[in-house]
Amino acid sequence: MIFGLQPGDEEVLQIIAPNGEVLATSKGKPATKHKVRWFAYSGKRARRP
């Protein structure tokens, strides 16, 4: 959850394992207008057996 997003702000989300390995990274586009509240998520899809 991000509060007070300003034009030009960019989001970068990373999920980092306890051993320091980056498991997933997501980078959003720069904001075009002010937003009071913004929600973003990131992750990896589960492998199918």
PDB file of N, CA and C in Angstrom:
ATOM      1  N   MET A   1       0.859  -1.156   0.000  1.00  0.00           N
ATOM      2  CA  MET A   1       0.000   0.000   0.000  1.00  0.00           C
ATOM      3  C   MET A   1       0.914   1.230   0.000  1.00  0.00           C
ATOM      4  N   ILE A   2       0.656   2.125  -0.907  1.00  0.00           N
ATOM      5  CA  ILE A   2       1.441   3.357  -1.032  1.00  0.00           C
ATOM      6  C   ILE A   2       0.486   4.534  -0.820  1.00  0.00           C
ATOM      7  N   PHE A   3       0.903   5.499  -0.031  1.00  0.00           N
ATOM      8  CA  PHE A   3       0.094   6.689   0.227  1.00  0.00           C
ATOM      9  C   PHE A   3       0.832   7.916  -0.295  1.00  0.00           C
ATOM     10  N   GLY A   4       0.092   8.835  -0.928  1.00  0.00           N
ATOM     11  CA  GLY A   4       0.667  10.099  -1.395  1.00  0.00           C
ATOM     12  C   GLY A   4       1.521   9.970  -2.636  1.00  0.00           C
ATOM     13  N   LEU A   5       1.088   9.152  -3.583  1.00  0.00           N
ATOM     14  CA  LEU A   5       1.818   8.980  -4.831  1.00  0.00           C
ATOM     15  C   LEU A   5       1.803  10.286  -5.619  1.00  0.00           C
ATOM     16  N   GLN A   6       2.958  10.711  -6.077  1.00  0.00           N
ATOM     17  CA  GLN A   6       3.103  11.965  -6.823  1.00  0.00           C
ATOM     18  C   GLN A   6       3.436  11.653  -8.289  1.00  0.00           C
ATOM     19  N   PRO A   7       3.091  12.558  -9.208  1.00  0.00           N
ATOM     20  CA  PRO A   7       3.453  12.345 -10.618  1.00  0.00           C
ATOM     21  C   PRO A   7       4.956  12.118 -10.770  1.00  0.00           C
ATOM     22  N   GLY A   8       5.316  11.099 -11.536  1.00  0.00           N
ATOM     23  CA  GLY A   8       6.726  10.762 -11.746  1.00  0.00           C
ATOM     24  C   GLY A   8       7.242   9.699 -10.796  1.00  0.00           C
ATOM     25  N   ASP A   9       6.534   9.424  -9.688  1.00  0.00           N
ATOM     26  CA  ASP A   9       6.954   8.371  -8.763  1.00  0.00           C
ATOM     27  C   ASP A   9       6.883   7.015  -9.465  1.00  0.00           C
ATOM     28  N   GLU A  10       7.832   6.135  -9.157  1.00  0.00           N
ATOM     29  CA  GLU A  10       7.843   4.782  -9.700  1.00  0.00           C
ATOM     30  C   GLU A  10       7.865   3.785  -8.553  1.00  0.00           C
ATOM     31  N   GLU A  11       7.221   2.643  -8.756  1.00  0.00           N
ATOM     32  CA  GLU A  11       7.227   1.599  -7.735  1.00  0.00           C
ATOM     33  C   GLU A  11       8.098   0.439  -8.193  1.00  0.00           C
ATOM     34  N   VAL A  12       8.850  -0.108  -7.269  1.00  0.00           N
ATOM     35  CA  VAL A  12       9.639  -1.308  -7.515  1.00  0.00           C
ATOM     36  C   VAL A  12       9.401  -2.221  -6.325  1.00  0.00           C
ATOM     37  N   LEU A  13       8.864  -3.412  -6.596  1.00  0.00           N
ATOM     38  CA  LEU A  13       8.603  -4.382  -5.543  1.00  0.00           C
ATOM     39  C   LEU A  13       9.531  -5.570  -5.743  1.00  0.00           C
ATOM     40  N   GLN A  14      10.154  -6.031  -4.651  1.00  0.00           N
ATOM     41  CA  GLN A  14      10.998  -7.213  -4.713  1.00  0.00           C
ATOM     42  C   GLN A  14      10.629  -8.132  -3.567  1.00  0.00           C
ATOM     43  N   ILE A  15      10.618  -9.428  -3.862  1.00  0.00           N
ATOM     44  CA  ILE A  15      10.455 -10.435  -2.823  1.00  0.00           C
ATOM     45  C   ILE A  15      11.820 -11.082  -2.667  1.00  0.00           C
ATOM     46  N   ILE A  16      12.372 -10.968  -1.454  1.00  0.00           N
ATOM     47  CA  ILE A  16      13.732 -11.440  -1.190  1.00  0.00           C
ATOM     48  C   ILE A  16      13.677 -12.568  -0.163  1.00  0.00           C
ATOM     49  N   ALA A  17      14.305 -13.702  -0.503  1.00  0.00           N
ATOM     50  CA  ALA A  17      14.355 -14.861   0.384  1.00  0.00           C
ATOM     51  C   ALA A  17      15.289 -14.573   1.562  1.00  0.00           C
ATOM     52  N   PRO A  18      15.151 -15.326   2.643  1.00  0.00           N
ATOM     53  CA  PRO A  18      16.034 -15.133   3.804  1.00  0.00           C
ATOM     54  C   PRO A  18      17.520 -15.251   3.463  1.00  0.00           C
ATOM     55  N   ASN A  19      17.859 -16.021   2.428  1.00  0.00           N
ATOM     56  CA  ASN A  19      19.268 -16.156   2.042  1.00  0.00           C
ATOM     57  C   ASN A  19      19.764 -15.006   1.155  1.00  0.00           C
ATOM     58  N   GLY A  20      18.878 -14.026   0.866  1.00  0.00           N
ATOM     59  CA  GLY A  20      19.256 -12.859   0.069  1.00  0.00           C
ATOM     60  C   GLY A  20      18.937 -12.979  -1.411  1.00  0.00           C
ATOM     61  N   GLU A  21      18.471 -14.150  -1.856  1.00  0.00           N
ATOM     62  CA  GLU A  21      18.124 -14.351  -3.262  1.00  0.00           C
ATOM     63  C   GLU A  21      16.843 -13.595  -3.608  1.00  0.00           C
ATOM     64  N   VAL A  22      16.859 -12.884  -4.746  1.00  0.00           N
ATOM     65  CA  VAL A  22      15.666 -12.171  -5.211  1.00  0.00           C
ATOM     66  C   VAL A  22      14.774 -13.190  -5.920  1.00  0.00           C
ATOM     67  N   LEU A  23      13.564 -13.407  -5.371  1.00  0.00           N
ATOM     68  CA  LEU A  23      12.644 -14.389  -5.927  1.00  0.00           C
ATOM     69  C   LEU A  23      11.748 -13.805  -7.010  1.00  0.00           C
ATOM     70  N   ALA A  24      11.364 -12.548  -6.873  1.00  0.00           N
ATOM     71  CA  ALA A  24      10.488 -11.902  -7.848  1.00  0.00           C
ATOM     72  C   ALA A  24      10.708 -10.401  -7.802  1.00  0.00           C
ATOM     73  N   THR A  25      10.628  -9.757  -8.965  1.00  0.00           N
ATOM     74  CA  THR A  25      10.747  -8.303  -9.067  1.00  0.00           C
ATOM     75  C   THR A  25       9.644  -7.790  -9.985  1.00  0.00           C
ATOM     76  N   SER A  26       9.047  -6.678  -9.601  1.00  0.00           N
ATOM     77  CA  SER A  26       8.005  -6.051 -10.405  1.00  0.00           C
ATOM     78  C   SER A  26       8.261  -4.551 -10.406  1.00  0.00           C
ATOM     79  N   LYS A  27       8.274  -3.943 -11.599  1.00  0.00           N
ATOM     80  CA  LYS A  27       8.489  -2.502 -11.710  1.00  0.00           C
ATOM     81  C   LYS A  27       7.315  -1.885 -12.455  1.00  0.00           C
ATOM     82  N   GLY A  28       6.675  -0.905 -11.845  1.00  0.00           N
ATOM     83  CA  GLY A  28       5.537  -0.236 -12.467  1.00  0.00           C
ATOM     84  C   GLY A  28       5.962   0.951 -13.305  1.00  0.00           C
ATOM     85  N   LYS A  29       5.036   1.450 -14.087  1.00  0.00           N
ATOM     86  CA  LYS A  29       5.286   2.640 -14.894  1.00  0.00           C
ATOM     87  C   LYS A  29       5.221   3.873 -13.996  1.00  0.00           C
ATOM     88  N   PRO A  30       5.896   4.961 -14.376  1.00  0.00           N
ATOM     89  CA  PRO A  30       5.820   6.190 -13.577  1.00  0.00           C
ATOM     90  C   PRO A  30       4.371   6.687 -13.475  1.00  0.00           C
ATOM     91  N   ALA A  31       4.013   7.200 -12.310  1.00  0.00           N
ATOM     92  CA  ALA A  31       2.662   7.739 -12.093  1.00  0.00           C
ATOM     93  C   ALA A  31       2.461   8.972 -12.964  1.00  0.00           C
ATOM     94  N   THR A  32       1.255   9.118 -13.496  1.00  0.00           N
ATOM     95  CA  THR A  32       0.954  10.267 -14.349  1.00  0.00           C
ATOM     96  C   THR A  32       0.210  11.360 -13.591  1.00  0.00           C
ATOM     97  N   LYS A  33      -0.394  10.999 -12.430  1.00  0.00           N
ATOM     98  CA  LYS A  33      -1.102  12.004 -11.636  1.00  0.00           C
ATOM     99  C   LYS A  33      -1.041  11.643 -10.155  1.00  0.00           C
ATOM    100  N   HIS A  34      -1.388  12.580  -9.311  1.00  0.00           N
ATOM    101  CA  HIS A  34      -1.380  12.389  -7.867  1.00  0.00           C
ATOM    102  C   HIS A  34      -2.453  11.376  -7.474  1.00  0.00           C
ATOM    103  N   LYS A  35      -2.101  10.466  -6.586  1.00  0.00           N
ATOM    104  CA  LYS A  35      -3.056   9.492  -6.056  1.00  0.00           C
ATOM    105  C   LYS A  35      -2.892   9.443  -4.547  1.00  0.00           C
ATOM    106  N   VAL A  36      -3.994   9.541  -3.829  1.00  0.00           N
ATOM    107  CA  VAL A  36      -3.946   9.514  -2.371  1.00  0.00           C
ATOM    108  C   VAL A  36      -3.496   8.141  -1.889  1.00  0.00           C
ATOM    109  N   ARG A  37      -4.014   7.090  -2.530  1.00  0.00           N
ATOM    110  CA  ARG A  37      -3.698   5.727  -2.101  1.00  0.00           C
ATOM    111  C   ARG A  37      -3.508   4.854  -3.338  1.00  0.00           C
ATOM    112  N   TRP A  38      -2.516   3.954  -3.285  1.00  0.00           N
ATOM    113  CA  TRP A  38      -2.228   3.058  -4.394  1.00  0.00           C
ATOM    114  C   TRP A  38      -1.878   1.694  -3.822  1.00  0.00           C
ATOM    115  N   PHE A  39      -2.400   0.638  -4.432  1.00  0.00           N
ATOM    116  CA  PHE A  39      -2.132  -0.721  -3.979  1.00  0.00           C
ATOM    117  C   PHE A  39      -1.458  -1.484  -5.105  1.00  0.00           C
ATOM    118  N   ALA A  40      -0.411  -2.218  -4.787  1.00  0.00           N
ATOM    119  CA  ALA A  40       0.292  -3.030  -5.771  1.00  0.00           C
ATOM    120  C   ALA A  40       0.692  -4.348  -5.116  1.00  0.00           C
ATOM    121  N   TYR A  41       0.901  -5.363  -5.930  1.00  0.00           N
ATOM    122  CA  TYR A  41       1.333  -6.652  -5.399  1.00  0.00           C
ATOM    123  C   TYR A  41       2.283  -7.298  -6.396  1.00  0.00           C
ATOM    124  N   SER A  42       3.011  -8.294  -5.929  1.00  0.00           N
ATOM    125  CA  SER A  42       3.966  -9.001  -6.760  1.00  0.00           C
ATOM    126  C   SER A  42       4.088 -10.424  -6.245  1.00  0.00           C
ATOM    127  N   GLY A  43       4.540 -11.316  -7.083  1.00  0.00           N
ATOM    128  CA  GLY A  43       4.737 -12.688  -6.653  1.00  0.00           C
ATOM    129  C   GLY A  43       5.101 -13.590  -7.824  1.00  0.00           C
ATOM    130  N   LYS A  44       5.167 -14.866  -7.521  1.00  0.00           N
ATOM    131  CA  LYS A  44       5.438 -15.869  -8.540  1.00  0.00           C
ATOM    132  C   LYS A  44       4.261 -16.817  -8.596  1.00  0.00           C
ATOM    133  N   ARG A  45       3.941 -17.272  -9.792  1.00  0.00           N
ATOM    134  CA  ARG A  45       2.884 -18.273  -9.938  1.00  0.00           C
ATOM    135  C   ARG A  45       3.383 -19.617  -9.433  1.00  0.00           C
ATOM    136  N   ALA A  46       2.479 -20.373  -8.819  1.00  0.00           N
ATOM    137  CA  ALA A  46       2.831 -21.712  -8.344  1.00  0.00           C
ATOM    138  C   ALA A  46       3.082 -22.634  -9.532  1.00  0.00           C
ATOM    139  N   ARG A  47       4.024 -23.527  -9.376  1.00  0.00           N
ATOM    140  CA  ARG A  47       4.285 -24.516 -10.423  1.00  0.00           C
ATOM    141  C   ARG A  47       3.199 -25.574 -10.383  1.00  0.00           C
ATOM    142  N   ARG A  48       2.783 -25.997 -11.554  1.00  0.00           N
ATOM    143  CA  ARG A  48       1.779 -27.061 -11.628  1.00  0.00           C
ATOM    144  C   ARG A  48       2.495 -28.410 -11.661  1.00  0.00           C
ATOM    145  N   PRO A  49       1.974 -29.397 -10.937  1.00  0.00           N
ATOM    146  CA  PRO A  49       2.628 -30.727 -10.923  1.00  0.00           C
ATOM    147  C   PRO A  49       2.545 -31.451 -12.241  1.00  0.00           C
TER     148      PRO A  49
END
